[in-house]
């Protein structure tokens, strides 16, 4: 596994990271890895997101089957009639 060294970390940021690690009962290194996993998408994650966006755009391009989208009032009435 590759190693990452970070220099010149501001003191307040380091203290916040240390406090977060302590709260999560983890080492500072483990906390940094956790934060990176949560916030830096991998190539696989980016591909998955693009696929989802493509599917969403396809669904949106289909438009409503009735020719128009129902109003909020119509949706509430429909739901109450069930």
N, C-alpha and C. Protein backbone atom coordinates (compact mmCIF):
# COMPACT_ATOMS: atom_id res chain seq x y z
N UNK A 1 0.85 -1.17 0.00
CA UNK A 1 0.00 0.00 0.00
C UNK A 1 0.90 1.24 0.00
N UNK A 2 0.62 2.20 -0.86
CA UNK A 2 1.44 3.42 -0.90
C UNK A 2 1.34 4.23 0.40
N UNK A 3 2.37 5.00 0.66
CA UNK A 3 2.42 5.86 1.84
C UNK A 3 2.32 7.31 1.40
N UNK A 4 1.59 8.09 2.16
CA UNK A 4 1.41 9.52 1.86
C UNK A 4 1.91 10.33 3.04
N UNK A 5 2.82 11.24 2.78
CA UNK A 5 3.31 12.14 3.82
C UNK A 5 2.79 13.54 3.52
N UNK A 6 2.33 14.22 4.55
CA UNK A 6 1.80 15.57 4.38
C UNK A 6 2.59 16.50 5.30
N UNK A 7 3.12 17.56 4.72
CA UNK A 7 3.89 18.52 5.49
C UNK A 7 3.14 19.84 5.57
N UNK A 8 3.54 20.66 6.51
CA UNK A 8 3.03 22.02 6.67
C UNK A 8 1.52 22.07 6.90
N UNK A 9 1.03 21.15 7.73
CA UNK A 9 -0.39 21.15 8.08
C UNK A 9 -0.59 22.25 9.13
N UNK A 10 -1.53 23.18 8.90
CA UNK A 10 -1.78 24.22 9.90
C UNK A 10 -2.15 23.60 11.26
N UNK A 11 -1.68 24.24 12.32
CA UNK A 11 -1.87 23.69 13.66
C UNK A 11 -3.34 23.50 14.01
N UNK A 12 -4.18 24.46 13.66
CA UNK A 12 -5.60 24.33 14.00
C UNK A 12 -6.26 23.17 13.24
N UNK A 13 -5.85 22.95 12.01
CA UNK A 13 -6.37 21.83 11.22
C UNK A 13 -5.90 20.51 11.83
N UNK A 14 -4.64 20.44 12.22
CA UNK A 14 -4.10 19.23 12.85
C UNK A 14 -4.83 18.93 14.15
N UNK A 15 -5.07 19.95 14.95
CA UNK A 15 -5.78 19.75 16.23
C UNK A 15 -7.21 19.26 15.98
N UNK A 16 -7.87 19.82 14.97
CA UNK A 16 -9.22 19.37 14.65
C UNK A 16 -9.21 17.92 14.18
N UNK A 17 -8.22 17.56 13.39
CA UNK A 17 -8.09 16.19 12.91
C UNK A 17 -7.81 15.24 14.08
N UNK A 18 -6.95 15.66 14.98
CA UNK A 18 -6.63 14.83 16.14
C UNK A 18 -7.86 14.63 17.02
N UNK A 19 -8.63 15.70 17.22
CA UNK A 19 -9.85 15.59 18.03
C UNK A 19 -10.87 14.67 17.36
N UNK A 20 -10.99 14.78 16.04
CA UNK A 20 -11.92 13.92 15.30
C UNK A 20 -11.49 12.46 15.40
N UNK A 21 -10.20 12.20 15.27
CA UNK A 21 -9.68 10.84 15.38
C UNK A 21 -9.95 10.28 16.77
N UNK A 22 -9.73 11.09 17.78
CA UNK A 22 -9.96 10.66 19.15
C UNK A 22 -11.44 10.33 19.37
N UNK A 23 -12.32 11.18 18.85
CA UNK A 23 -13.76 10.96 19.00
C UNK A 23 -14.20 9.67 18.30
N UNK A 24 -13.53 9.32 17.21
CA UNK A 24 -13.85 8.11 16.47
C UNK A 24 -13.01 6.91 16.91
N UNK A 25 -12.21 7.11 17.94
CA UNK A 25 -11.33 6.06 18.46
C UNK A 25 -10.45 5.47 17.36
N UNK A 26 -9.84 6.36 16.62
CA UNK A 26 -8.97 5.96 15.51
C UNK A 26 -7.67 6.74 15.58
N UNK A 27 -6.69 6.24 14.87
CA UNK A 27 -5.44 6.98 14.77
C UNK A 27 -5.64 8.15 13.81
N UNK A 28 -4.74 9.09 13.84
CA UNK A 28 -4.82 10.21 12.92
C UNK A 28 -4.71 9.71 11.48
N UNK A 29 -3.82 8.76 11.24
CA UNK A 29 -3.66 8.21 9.88
C UNK A 29 -4.95 7.54 9.41
N UNK A 30 -5.58 6.75 10.29
CA UNK A 30 -6.83 6.09 9.92
C UNK A 30 -7.92 7.12 9.64
N UNK A 31 -7.93 8.17 10.42
CA UNK A 31 -8.94 9.22 10.21
C UNK A 31 -8.73 9.93 8.88
N UNK A 32 -7.48 10.19 8.53
CA UNK A 32 -7.17 10.82 7.24
C UNK A 32 -7.62 9.92 6.09
N UNK A 33 -7.33 8.63 6.19
CA UNK A 33 -7.76 7.70 5.14
C UNK A 33 -9.28 7.68 5.04
N UNK A 34 -9.96 7.67 6.17
CA UNK A 34 -11.43 7.69 6.18
C UNK A 34 -11.96 8.95 5.50
N UNK A 35 -11.38 10.09 5.81
CA UNK A 35 -11.81 11.35 5.20
C UNK A 35 -11.54 11.36 3.69
N UNK A 36 -10.40 10.82 3.29
CA UNK A 36 -10.09 10.75 1.86
C UNK A 36 -11.08 9.83 1.14
N UNK A 37 -11.41 8.70 1.75
CA UNK A 37 -12.39 7.78 1.12
C UNK A 37 -13.74 8.45 0.95
N UNK A 38 -14.15 9.23 1.94
CA UNK A 38 -15.45 9.91 1.89
C UNK A 38 -15.48 11.05 0.87
N UNK A 39 -14.34 11.68 0.64
CA UNK A 39 -14.35 12.94 -0.12
C UNK A 39 -13.59 12.95 -1.43
N UNK A 40 -12.83 11.91 -1.74
CA UNK A 40 -12.09 11.88 -2.99
C UNK A 40 -12.56 10.68 -3.80
N UNK A 41 -13.34 10.92 -4.83
CA UNK A 41 -13.87 9.79 -5.60
C UNK A 41 -12.79 9.11 -6.44
N UNK A 42 -12.86 7.79 -6.49
CA UNK A 42 -11.94 7.00 -7.31
C UNK A 42 -12.46 7.00 -8.75
N UNK A 43 -11.68 6.45 -9.65
CA UNK A 43 -12.11 6.36 -11.05
C UNK A 43 -13.38 5.52 -11.16
N UNK A 44 -13.46 4.45 -10.38
CA UNK A 44 -14.65 3.61 -10.39
C UNK A 44 -15.88 4.35 -9.90
N UNK A 45 -15.70 5.16 -8.84
CA UNK A 45 -16.82 5.94 -8.30
C UNK A 45 -17.27 6.99 -9.31
N UNK A 46 -16.33 7.64 -9.98
CA UNK A 46 -16.70 8.64 -10.99
C UNK A 46 -17.47 7.99 -12.14
N UNK A 47 -17.05 6.80 -12.55
CA UNK A 47 -17.75 6.08 -13.62
C UNK A 47 -19.17 5.73 -13.17
N UNK A 48 -19.31 5.29 -11.92
CA UNK A 48 -20.64 4.96 -11.39
C UNK A 48 -21.54 6.18 -11.37
N UNK A 49 -20.99 7.32 -10.95
CA UNK A 49 -21.78 8.56 -10.91
C UNK A 49 -22.21 8.98 -12.31
N UNK A 50 -21.29 8.87 -13.28
CA UNK A 50 -21.63 9.24 -14.66
C UNK A 50 -22.74 8.36 -15.19
N UNK A 51 -22.69 7.08 -14.85
CA UNK A 51 -23.73 6.15 -15.29
C UNK A 51 -25.08 6.54 -14.69
N UNK A 52 -25.10 6.91 -13.43
CA UNK A 52 -26.33 7.33 -12.77
C UNK A 52 -26.88 8.60 -13.40
N UNK A 53 -26.01 9.57 -13.65
CA UNK A 53 -26.45 10.82 -14.27
C UNK A 53 -27.02 10.55 -15.66
N UNK A 54 -26.38 9.67 -16.39
CA UNK A 54 -26.87 9.32 -17.73
C UNK A 54 -28.27 8.71 -17.64
N UNK A 55 -28.49 7.81 -16.67
CA UNK A 55 -29.81 7.21 -16.49
C UNK A 55 -30.85 8.25 -16.10
N UNK A 56 -30.47 9.17 -15.21
CA UNK A 56 -31.39 10.23 -14.79
C UNK A 56 -31.78 11.10 -15.98
N UNK A 57 -30.80 11.49 -16.77
CA UNK A 57 -31.08 12.33 -17.94
C UNK A 57 -31.97 11.59 -18.94
N UNK A 58 -31.76 10.30 -19.08
CA UNK A 58 -32.61 9.50 -19.98
C UNK A 58 -34.05 9.50 -19.48
N UNK A 59 -34.24 9.27 -18.19
CA UNK A 59 -35.59 9.26 -17.62
C UNK A 59 -36.24 10.62 -17.78
N UNK A 60 -35.48 11.69 -17.51
CA UNK A 60 -36.03 13.04 -17.64
C UNK A 60 -36.40 13.35 -19.09
N UNK A 61 -35.64 12.82 -20.04
CA UNK A 61 -35.92 13.10 -21.45
C UNK A 61 -37.20 12.42 -21.92
N UNK A 62 -37.62 11.38 -21.21
CA UNK A 62 -38.84 10.66 -21.57
C UNK A 62 -40.08 11.53 -21.32
N UNK A 63 -39.99 12.39 -20.33
CA UNK A 63 -41.13 13.25 -20.01
C UNK A 63 -42.25 12.45 -19.35
N UNK A 64 -43.26 13.12 -18.89
CA UNK A 64 -44.38 12.43 -18.25
C UNK A 64 -45.20 11.67 -19.29
N UNK A 65 -45.80 10.56 -18.89
CA UNK A 65 -46.59 9.74 -19.80
C UNK A 65 -47.93 10.39 -20.13
N UNK A 66 -48.38 11.29 -19.29
CA UNK A 66 -49.68 11.93 -19.50
C UNK A 66 -49.58 13.18 -20.37
N UNK A 67 -48.40 13.56 -20.76
CA UNK A 67 -48.22 14.78 -21.55
C UNK A 67 -47.83 15.98 -20.71
N UNK A 68 -48.05 15.87 -19.42
CA UNK A 68 -47.64 16.95 -18.52
C UNK A 68 -47.45 16.38 -17.12
N UNK A 69 -46.72 17.09 -16.32
CA UNK A 69 -46.54 16.66 -14.94
C UNK A 69 -47.73 17.10 -14.11
N UNK A 70 -48.19 16.25 -13.18
CA UNK A 70 -49.33 16.65 -12.34
C UNK A 70 -48.90 17.73 -11.35
N UNK A 71 -49.87 18.54 -10.96
CA UNK A 71 -49.59 19.56 -9.94
C UNK A 71 -49.52 18.88 -8.59
N UNK A 72 -49.01 19.58 -7.60
CA UNK A 72 -48.93 19.03 -6.25
C UNK A 72 -50.33 18.70 -5.74
N UNK A 73 -51.27 19.56 -6.04
CA UNK A 73 -52.65 19.33 -5.61
C UNK A 73 -53.21 18.04 -6.23
N UNK A 74 -52.95 17.82 -7.49
CA UNK A 74 -53.42 16.60 -8.16
C UNK A 74 -52.79 15.35 -7.55
N UNK A 75 -51.51 15.44 -7.23
CA UNK A 75 -50.84 14.29 -6.63
C UNK A 75 -51.40 13.98 -5.24
N UNK A 76 -51.70 15.03 -4.47
CA UNK A 76 -52.27 14.82 -3.14
C UNK A 76 -53.65 14.19 -3.26
N UNK A 77 -54.47 14.70 -4.17
CA UNK A 77 -55.81 14.12 -4.38
C UNK A 77 -55.72 12.66 -4.80
N UNK A 78 -54.81 12.36 -5.71
CA UNK A 78 -54.64 10.98 -6.15
C UNK A 78 -54.23 10.07 -5.00
N UNK A 79 -53.32 10.58 -4.17
CA UNK A 79 -52.85 9.79 -3.04
C UNK A 79 -53.99 9.55 -2.03
N UNK A 80 -54.79 10.56 -1.80
CA UNK A 80 -55.91 10.42 -0.84
C UNK A 80 -56.99 9.48 -1.36
N UNK A 81 -57.13 9.37 -2.66
CA UNK A 81 -58.19 8.52 -3.22
C UNK A 81 -57.81 7.04 -3.19
N UNK A 82 -56.60 6.69 -2.81
CA UNK A 82 -56.17 5.29 -2.77
C UNK A 82 -56.70 4.59 -1.57
